[in-house]
Amino acid sequence: MLLLLVLLLALLLLLVVLLSLLDLEQLLGM
């Protein structure tokens, strides 16, 4: 159970980082 929770948290963090990077690229493009 703990491993599954850790993996889910890691995936959520990766998604947030990817979204933030995309937003930064869009802001720089503007």
Protein backbone atom coordinates (compact mmCIF):
# COMPACT_ATOMS: atom_id res chain seq x y z
CA MET A 1 0.00 0.00 0.00
CA LEU A 2 2.75 2.47 0.96
CA LEU A 3 4.60 1.81 -2.29
CA LEU A 4 1.43 2.50 -4.30
CA LEU A 5 0.83 5.76 -2.41
CA VAL A 6 4.43 6.86 -2.96
CA LEU A 7 4.21 6.05 -6.69
CA LEU A 8 0.95 8.02 -7.00
CA LEU A 9 2.49 11.02 -5.20
CA ALA A 10 5.55 10.85 -7.47
CA LEU A 11 3.34 10.80 -10.58
CA LEU A 12 1.35 13.79 -9.31
CA LEU A 13 4.58 15.73 -8.62
CA LEU A 14 5.86 14.91 -12.13
CA LEU A 15 2.58 16.13 -13.66
CA VAL A 16 2.76 19.39 -11.69
CA VAL A 17 6.38 19.95 -12.74
CA LEU A 18 5.57 19.25 -16.41
CA LEU A 19 2.58 21.62 -16.29
CA SER A 20 4.69 24.34 -14.64
CA LEU A 21 7.40 23.91 -17.29
CA LEU A 22 4.83 24.18 -20.10
CA ASP A 23 3.36 27.31 -18.49
CA LEU A 24 6.83 28.85 -18.18
CA GLU A 25 7.55 28.10 -21.86
CA GLN A 26 4.24 29.72 -22.85
CA LEU A 27 4.99 32.79 -20.71
CA LEU A 28 8.49 33.08 -22.21
CA GLY A 29 6.99 32.72 -25.70
CA MET A 30 4.70 35.66 -24.96
